[in-house]
């Protein structure tokens, strides 16, 4: 079996990182897995090429243009020439253009829904619905994602739920690196600095807590379009001397390992959070908002606390509970680590994908 994975690039986090990890984990099981990208960049590019072979790059830069059509046809020819049995599209643009190229090559394809698509342009939502209709299966990473799209017309019989992958051996090795962190107990958040992540709620909770817990420091790791706005908010609300913005980092596991509590506060669009999985891998308790797959990750495992989106007072109260009850916090952290071991290992997730791929290929034949 020969599978082509299509994704935007090979950055460490998000859907892109999951695509890279799955392709490499499946390759270890013996089948031929290759990757195609819109941009040959990212943390995982050298690792993927070493494990899976040369990464194919598309030149698609615009939704509609003569060059776009040419590149879709070039991708079609690549799929045919390499003899792929299946194409798996991982993200929005891959779902639109990759599914079209696979269809033109007369090769079965699978699409993915890895978040709630609430920040996606309407025309892309319509195009992805069309892609889903022709797919042999639609992979989701959380029940919340499946329910969201089934309610909006997705054929439930096509849905296959496979959780995100986390390589604990790699995480533990990377987390052992030396990093500089502020002195004190660290409450940290790792996310893109975009409106849907609602980092402002975290800032307001930090402002409320800083007076009663002078030894606590608050850390935000990540970059995005509203980074300057968030720094301004932190300064204006008086959290500036206890809240640190560390920017985009490649040593995220080592930073998380120094957290005492992990936080994630999205207000919409969330799927199954890689940040929360890494908090759990680090053995720390988590406080997150009830959005996407956050609740099903944490509550079933007893690995953290859930609050309503935008409710910074409830967020602050949950953080106080964990700060004042270290035994409870430690137990939650241990439970989270056990869940990652049981449900999110590369071997387990790769086996589920391989079974899906074989089923999709055999069903088409």
Protein backbone atom coordinates (compact mmCIF):
# COMPACT_ATOMS: atom_id res chain seq x y z
CA UNK A 1 0.00 0.00 0.00
CA UNK A 2 1.28 3.42 -0.98
CA UNK A 3 -0.24 6.53 0.64
CA UNK A 4 0.27 10.22 -0.13
CA UNK A 5 -0.35 12.66 2.72
CA UNK A 6 -1.08 16.28 1.75
CA UNK A 7 -0.76 19.18 4.21
CA UNK A 8 0.18 22.86 4.11
CA UNK A 9 3.69 22.59 5.62
CA UNK A 10 5.58 20.58 8.24
CA UNK A 11 5.62 22.87 11.28
CA UNK A 12 5.85 21.22 14.69
CA UNK A 13 2.38 21.97 16.04
CA UNK A 14 -1.20 21.67 14.90
CA UNK A 15 -2.49 19.54 12.06
CA UNK A 16 0.81 19.87 10.21
CA UNK A 17 2.75 18.27 13.03
CA UNK A 18 0.19 15.49 13.35
CA UNK A 19 0.44 14.72 9.61
CA UNK A 20 4.22 14.47 9.85
CA UNK A 21 4.11 12.26 12.93
CA UNK A 22 1.48 9.90 11.48
CA UNK A 23 3.29 9.53 8.15
CA UNK A 24 6.54 8.64 9.92
CA UNK A 25 4.85 6.29 12.41
CA UNK A 26 2.99 4.48 9.61
CA UNK A 27 6.20 4.22 7.60
CA UNK A 28 7.71 2.24 10.47
CA UNK A 29 4.95 -0.35 10.04
CA UNK A 30 6.30 -1.17 6.59
CA UNK A 31 4.09 0.60 4.03
CA UNK A 32 5.19 3.38 1.70
CA UNK A 33 4.11 6.82 2.93
CA UNK A 34 5.03 10.08 1.19
CA UNK A 35 4.14 13.68 1.96
CA UNK A 36 3.20 16.62 -0.30
CA UNK A 37 3.12 20.22 0.94
CA UNK A 38 2.23 23.70 -0.22
CA UNK A 39 5.41 25.07 1.40
CA UNK A 40 8.63 23.10 1.92
CA UNK A 41 9.26 24.39 5.41
CA UNK A 42 8.84 23.49 9.05
CA UNK A 43 10.40 21.66 11.97
CA UNK A 44 9.61 18.19 10.62
CA UNK A 45 10.80 18.65 7.00
CA UNK A 46 14.21 16.94 7.41
CA UNK A 47 12.81 14.17 9.59
CA UNK A 48 9.98 13.39 7.16
CA UNK A 49 12.35 13.30 4.19
CA UNK A 50 14.69 10.96 6.04
CA UNK A 51 11.85 8.62 7.04
CA UNK A 52 9.50 8.83 4.05
CA UNK A 53 11.53 10.13 1.11
CA UNK A 54 11.48 13.44 -0.81
CA UNK A 55 8.67 15.82 0.09
CA UNK A 56 6.74 16.98 -2.98
CA UNK A 57 6.00 20.71 -3.15
CA UNK A 58 2.98 22.26 -4.85
CA UNK A 59 3.14 25.81 -6.19
CA UNK A 60 -0.48 26.71 -5.43
CA UNK A 61 -0.64 30.22 -4.00
CA UNK A 62 -4.07 31.44 -5.12
CA UNK A 63 -7.53 29.91 -5.10
CA UNK A 64 -8.25 30.63 -8.75
CA UNK A 65 -5.55 31.12 -11.37
CA UNK A 66 -4.12 29.42 -14.43
CA UNK A 67 -1.06 28.47 -12.35
CA UNK A 68 -3.32 26.83 -9.75
CA UNK A 69 -4.98 24.70 -12.43
CA UNK A 70 -1.60 23.71 -13.82
CA UNK A 71 -0.37 22.69 -10.42
CA UNK A 72 -3.46 20.62 -9.65
CA UNK A 73 -2.84 18.78 -12.93
CA UNK A 74 0.84 18.41 -12.04
CA UNK A 75 -0.19 16.90 -8.69
CA UNK A 76 -2.57 14.56 -10.53
CA UNK A 77 0.30 13.40 -12.75
CA UNK A 78 2.53 12.90 -9.70
CA UNK A 79 -0.12 10.74 -8.02
CA UNK A 80 -0.42 8.60 -11.15
CA UNK A 81 3.31 8.36 -11.84
CA UNK A 82 4.15 7.30 -8.28
CA UNK A 83 1.34 4.74 -8.21
CA UNK A 84 -0.32 5.87 -5.01
CA UNK A 85 -3.18 3.70 -3.78
CA UNK A 86 -4.67 6.40 -1.56
CA UNK A 87 -4.46 10.14 -0.88
CA UNK A 88 -5.06 11.55 2.61
CA UNK A 89 -5.69 15.30 2.80
CA UNK A 90 -5.09 16.78 6.23
CA UNK A 91 -6.10 20.44 6.27
CA UNK A 92 -8.27 23.01 4.52
CA UNK A 93 -6.33 23.73 1.31
CA UNK A 94 -5.16 20.14 1.06
CA UNK A 95 -8.79 19.03 1.25
CA UNK A 96 -9.81 21.34 -1.57
CA UNK A 97 -6.96 20.87 -4.03
CA UNK A 98 -5.69 17.44 -2.99
CA UNK A 99 -9.10 15.83 -3.30
CA UNK A 100 -9.53 17.34 -6.78
CA UNK A 101 -6.15 16.01 -7.93
CA UNK A 102 -6.91 12.56 -6.49
CA UNK A 103 -10.30 12.54 -8.21
CA UNK A 104 -8.71 13.48 -11.54
CA UNK A 105 -6.12 10.71 -11.03
CA UNK A 106 -8.93 8.23 -10.27
CA UNK A 107 -7.37 7.39 -6.89
CA UNK A 108 -9.45 7.12 -3.69
CA UNK A 109 -8.93 9.78 -1.08
CA UNK A 110 -9.66 10.51 2.58
CA UNK A 111 -10.33 13.94 4.07
CA UNK A 112 -9.80 15.23 7.61
CA UNK A 113 -11.76 17.45 9.98
CA UNK A 114 -9.46 18.38 12.84
CA UNK A 115 -11.21 21.46 14.20
CA UNK A 116 -14.69 23.00 14.04
CA UNK A 117 -13.89 25.23 11.00
CA UNK A 118 -15.58 28.18 12.68
CA UNK A 119 -12.94 30.63 11.45
CA UNK A 120 -12.92 29.26 7.89
CA UNK A 121 -14.27 31.39 5.00
CA UNK A 122 -17.75 30.34 3.87
CA UNK A 123 -16.67 29.47 0.33
CA UNK A 124 -13.99 27.10 1.63
CA UNK A 125 -16.55 25.42 3.89
CA UNK A 126 -18.67 24.73 0.81
CA UNK A 127 -15.73 23.36 -1.15
CA UNK A 128 -14.72 21.07 1.71
CA UNK A 129 -18.29 19.75 1.94
CA UNK A 130 -17.98 18.73 -1.71
CA UNK A 131 -14.62 17.08 -1.00
CA UNK A 132 -16.11 15.16 1.95
CA UNK A 133 -18.90 13.79 -0.24
CA UNK A 134 -16.41 12.13 -2.56
CA UNK A 135 -14.12 10.87 0.22
CA UNK A 136 -13.85 7.25 1.18
CA UNK A 137 -13.74 8.35 4.83
CA UNK A 138 -13.54 11.53 6.88
CA UNK A 139 -11.07 11.37 9.77
CA UNK A 140 -11.91 13.32 12.94
CA UNK A 141 -9.85 13.53 16.12
CA UNK A 142 -12.62 14.13 18.66
CA UNK A 143 -16.28 13.27 19.24
CA UNK A 144 -17.07 16.97 19.43
CA UNK A 145 -15.69 17.45 15.91
CA UNK A 146 -17.68 14.49 14.57
CA UNK A 147 -20.93 15.69 16.16
CA UNK A 148 -20.38 19.24 14.91
CA UNK A 149 -20.09 18.22 11.26
CA UNK A 150 -22.68 15.44 11.33
CA UNK A 151 -25.16 18.07 12.56
CA UNK A 152 -24.20 20.11 9.48
CA UNK A 153 -24.78 17.35 6.97
CA UNK A 154 -21.68 15.13 7.04
CA UNK A 155 -22.52 11.48 6.34
CA UNK A 156 -22.06 9.78 9.72
CA UNK A 157 -21.18 6.46 8.05
CA UNK A 158 -18.01 8.03 6.65
CA UNK A 159 -16.70 9.33 9.96
CA UNK A 160 -13.69 7.60 11.50
CA UNK A 161 -12.41 8.92 14.82
CA UNK A 162 -8.67 8.55 15.46
CA UNK A 163 -7.06 10.60 18.25
CA UNK A 164 -3.98 12.78 17.98
CA UNK A 165 -0.60 11.13 18.36
CA UNK A 166 2.01 12.02 20.95
CA UNK A 167 5.43 10.40 21.02
CA UNK A 168 6.26 10.22 24.73
CA UNK A 169 9.82 9.04 24.14
CA UNK A 170 10.50 12.10 21.97
CA UNK A 171 8.67 14.41 24.39
CA UNK A 172 10.64 13.18 27.40
CA UNK A 173 13.93 13.54 25.55
CA UNK A 174 13.15 17.09 24.41
CA UNK A 175 11.74 18.10 27.78
CA UNK A 176 15.08 17.32 29.44
CA UNK A 177 16.74 20.27 27.68
CA UNK A 178 17.84 23.23 29.76
CA UNK A 179 15.67 26.35 29.34
CA UNK A 180 15.41 29.67 31.08
CA UNK A 181 12.14 30.27 32.93
CA UNK A 182 11.06 32.94 35.45
CA UNK A 183 11.48 32.07 39.13
CA UNK A 184 8.40 30.78 40.94
CA UNK A 185 5.47 28.51 40.19
CA UNK A 186 4.62 28.69 36.49
CA UNK A 187 1.12 28.69 35.02
CA UNK A 188 1.58 28.45 31.27
CA UNK A 189 -0.34 28.47 28.03
CA UNK A 190 0.90 27.29 24.61
CA UNK A 191 -1.16 28.43 21.64
CA UNK A 192 -1.32 30.61 18.56
CA UNK A 193 -2.03 34.23 19.43
CA UNK A 194 -5.26 34.45 17.46
CA UNK A 195 -8.72 35.70 18.50
CA UNK A 196 -10.30 32.24 18.77
CA UNK A 197 -7.73 31.19 21.41
CA UNK A 198 -9.00 33.97 23.73
CA UNK A 199 -5.70 34.57 25.52
CA UNK A 200 -7.32 37.69 26.96
CA UNK A 201 -9.30 35.51 29.38
CA UNK A 202 -6.03 34.04 30.66
CA UNK A 203 -4.59 37.55 31.11
CA UNK A 204 -7.61 38.68 33.14
CA UNK A 205 -7.38 35.60 35.37
CA UNK A 206 -3.66 36.24 35.87
CA UNK A 207 -4.39 39.83 36.89
CA UNK A 208 -6.86 38.61 39.50
CA UNK A 209 -4.46 36.05 41.00
CA UNK A 210 -1.20 37.95 41.08
CA UNK A 211 -1.92 39.76 44.36
CA UNK A 212 -2.78 36.63 46.35
CA UNK A 213 -0.03 34.47 44.83
CA UNK A 214 3.07 36.66 44.47
CA UNK A 215 5.29 33.63 43.74
CA UNK A 216 3.25 32.63 40.68
CA UNK A 217 4.38 33.61 37.19
CA UNK A 218 2.25 33.40 34.03
CA UNK A 219 3.76 32.40 30.69
CA UNK A 220 2.35 32.52 27.14
CA UNK A 221 4.20 30.59 24.42
CA UNK A 222 3.35 31.22 20.78
CA UNK A 223 2.95 33.91 18.15
CA UNK A 224 0.13 35.26 16.02
CA UNK A 225 -1.72 38.20 14.56
CA UNK A 226 -2.84 39.74 17.88
CA UNK A 227 0.36 39.36 19.88
CA UNK A 228 0.91 43.11 20.25
CA UNK A 229 -2.71 43.64 21.35
CA UNK A 230 -2.35 41.00 24.06
CA UNK A 231 0.88 42.50 25.38
CA UNK A 232 -0.84 45.88 25.54
CA UNK A 233 -3.77 44.33 27.44
CA UNK A 234 -1.41 42.68 29.93
CA UNK A 235 0.33 46.01 30.57
CA UNK A 236 -2.91 48.00 30.91
CA UNK A 237 -4.50 45.47 33.28
CA UNK A 238 -1.46 45.39 35.54
CA UNK A 239 -0.22 41.87 34.82
CA UNK A 240 2.91 43.03 33.05
CA UNK A 241 5.50 42.21 35.73
CA UNK A 242 4.18 38.68 36.35
CA UNK A 243 3.15 37.67 32.81
CA UNK A 244 5.76 36.74 30.20
CA UNK A 245 5.29 36.34 26.43
CA UNK A 246 7.97 33.94 25.17
CA UNK A 247 7.05 34.04 21.48
CA UNK A 248 7.38 31.17 19.00
CA UNK A 249 9.63 28.42 20.38
CA UNK A 250 10.98 25.08 19.20
CA UNK A 251 11.78 23.89 22.75
CA UNK A 252 8.13 23.70 23.82
CA UNK A 253 8.39 20.33 25.68
CA UNK A 254 11.19 21.69 27.88
CA UNK A 255 9.12 24.79 28.67
CA UNK A 256 5.99 22.79 29.47
CA UNK A 257 7.96 20.48 31.74
CA UNK A 258 8.65 23.55 33.92
CA UNK A 259 4.95 24.47 34.15
CA UNK A 260 3.04 23.72 37.34
CA UNK A 261 -0.33 24.07 35.57
CA UNK A 262 -1.19 24.12 31.85
CA UNK A 263 -4.01 26.33 30.55
CA UNK A 264 -5.93 26.59 27.27
CA UNK A 265 -8.85 29.00 26.84
CA UNK A 266 -10.29 28.78 23.29
CA UNK A 267 -13.71 30.28 22.66
CA UNK A 268 -14.37 28.45 19.36
CA UNK A 269 -12.91 26.30 16.58
CA UNK A 270 -10.97 23.87 18.81
CA UNK A 271 -10.53 20.22 17.85
CA UNK A 272 -8.35 17.91 19.93
CA UNK A 273 -5.65 20.10 21.42
CA UNK A 274 -2.00 19.16 20.96
CA UNK A 275 -1.12 21.65 23.71
CA UNK A 276 -3.33 19.84 26.21
CA UNK A 277 -1.83 16.50 25.18
CA UNK A 278 1.64 17.88 25.85
CA UNK A 279 0.55 19.22 29.25
CA UNK A 280 -0.71 15.72 30.04
CA UNK A 281 2.51 14.14 28.78
CA UNK A 282 4.43 16.42 31.15
CA UNK A 283 2.34 15.13 34.06
CA UNK A 284 0.84 18.49 34.99
CA UNK A 285 -2.83 19.32 35.68
CA UNK A 286 -4.80 21.26 33.08
CA UNK A 287 -7.48 23.93 33.17
CA UNK A 288 -9.27 24.45 29.85
CA UNK A 289 -12.46 25.90 28.46
CA UNK A 290 -15.41 23.79 27.33
CA UNK A 291 -14.67 24.00 23.61
CA UNK A 292 -14.18 21.29 20.99
CA UNK A 293 -12.54 18.15 22.35
CA UNK A 294 -11.10 19.72 25.53
CA UNK A 295 -13.71 18.22 27.82
CA UNK A 296 -13.50 14.70 26.44
CA UNK A 297 -9.70 14.78 26.76
CA UNK A 298 -9.65 15.94 30.37
CA UNK A 299 -12.82 14.89 32.16
CA UNK A 300 -12.85 11.19 31.23
CA UNK A 301 -9.24 10.87 32.38
CA UNK A 302 -9.66 13.08 35.46
CA UNK A 303 -6.68 15.06 34.19
CA UNK A 304 -7.95 18.59 34.72
CA UNK A 305 -10.76 21.08 35.20
CA UNK A 306 -13.17 22.59 32.66
CA UNK A 307 -14.59 26.13 32.74
CA UNK A 308 -16.87 28.07 30.40
CA UNK A 309 -15.28 30.05 27.55
CA UNK A 310 -14.65 33.67 28.45
CA UNK A 311 -15.29 33.13 32.18
CA UNK A 312 -12.06 34.47 33.62
CA UNK A 313 -13.37 34.40 37.20
CA UNK A 314 -14.09 30.66 36.97
CA UNK A 315 -10.69 30.16 35.37
CA UNK A 316 -9.05 31.99 38.27
CA UNK A 317 -11.01 29.89 40.81
CA UNK A 318 -9.94 26.65 39.11
CA UNK A 319 -6.31 27.77 39.17
CA UNK A 320 -6.59 28.67 42.87
CA UNK A 321 -7.91 25.18 43.62
CA UNK A 322 -4.90 23.55 41.97
CA UNK A 323 -2.44 25.96 43.58
CA UNK A 324 -3.88 25.37 47.05
CA UNK A 325 -4.36 21.59 46.68
CA UNK A 326 -1.05 20.24 45.36
CA UNK A 327 -2.05 16.62 46.03
CA UNK A 328 -5.09 17.01 43.78
CA UNK A 329 -2.95 18.70 41.12
CA UNK A 330 -0.35 15.93 41.26
CA UNK A 331 -3.00 13.21 40.92
CA UNK A 332 -4.54 14.94 37.89
CA UNK A 333 -1.12 15.20 36.27
CA UNK A 334 -0.44 11.50 36.79
CA UNK A 335 -3.85 10.57 35.34
CA UNK A 336 -3.19 12.68 32.28
CA UNK A 337 0.17 11.02 31.68
CA UNK A 338 -1.44 7.57 31.90
CA UNK A 339 -4.07 8.53 29.34
CA UNK A 340 -1.42 9.64 26.86
CA UNK A 341 0.38 6.32 27.30
CA UNK A 342 -2.83 4.33 26.79
CA UNK A 343 -4.50 6.16 23.92
CA UNK A 344 -2.07 8.40 22.05
CA UNK A 345 1.12 6.42 21.45
CA UNK A 346 2.58 6.43 17.90
CA UNK A 347 2.18 2.67 17.61
CA UNK A 348 -1.49 2.68 18.64
CA UNK A 349 -2.49 5.65 16.47
CA UNK A 350 -0.50 4.38 13.47
CA UNK A 351 -2.25 1.00 13.68
CA UNK A 352 -5.62 2.74 13.56
CA UNK A 353 -4.62 4.78 10.52
CA UNK A 354 -3.20 1.75 8.74
CA UNK A 355 -6.45 -0.16 9.31
CA UNK A 356 -8.42 2.78 7.89
CA UNK A 357 -6.15 3.09 4.86
CA UNK A 358 -6.37 -0.62 4.06
CA UNK A 359 -10.16 -0.53 4.40
CA UNK A 360 -10.43 2.52 2.11
CA UNK A 361 -8.23 0.95 -0.57
CA UNK A 362 -9.92 -2.46 -0.44
CA UNK A 363 -13.40 -0.89 -0.50
CA UNK A 364 -12.53 1.05 -3.64
CA UNK A 365 -11.11 -2.04 -5.32
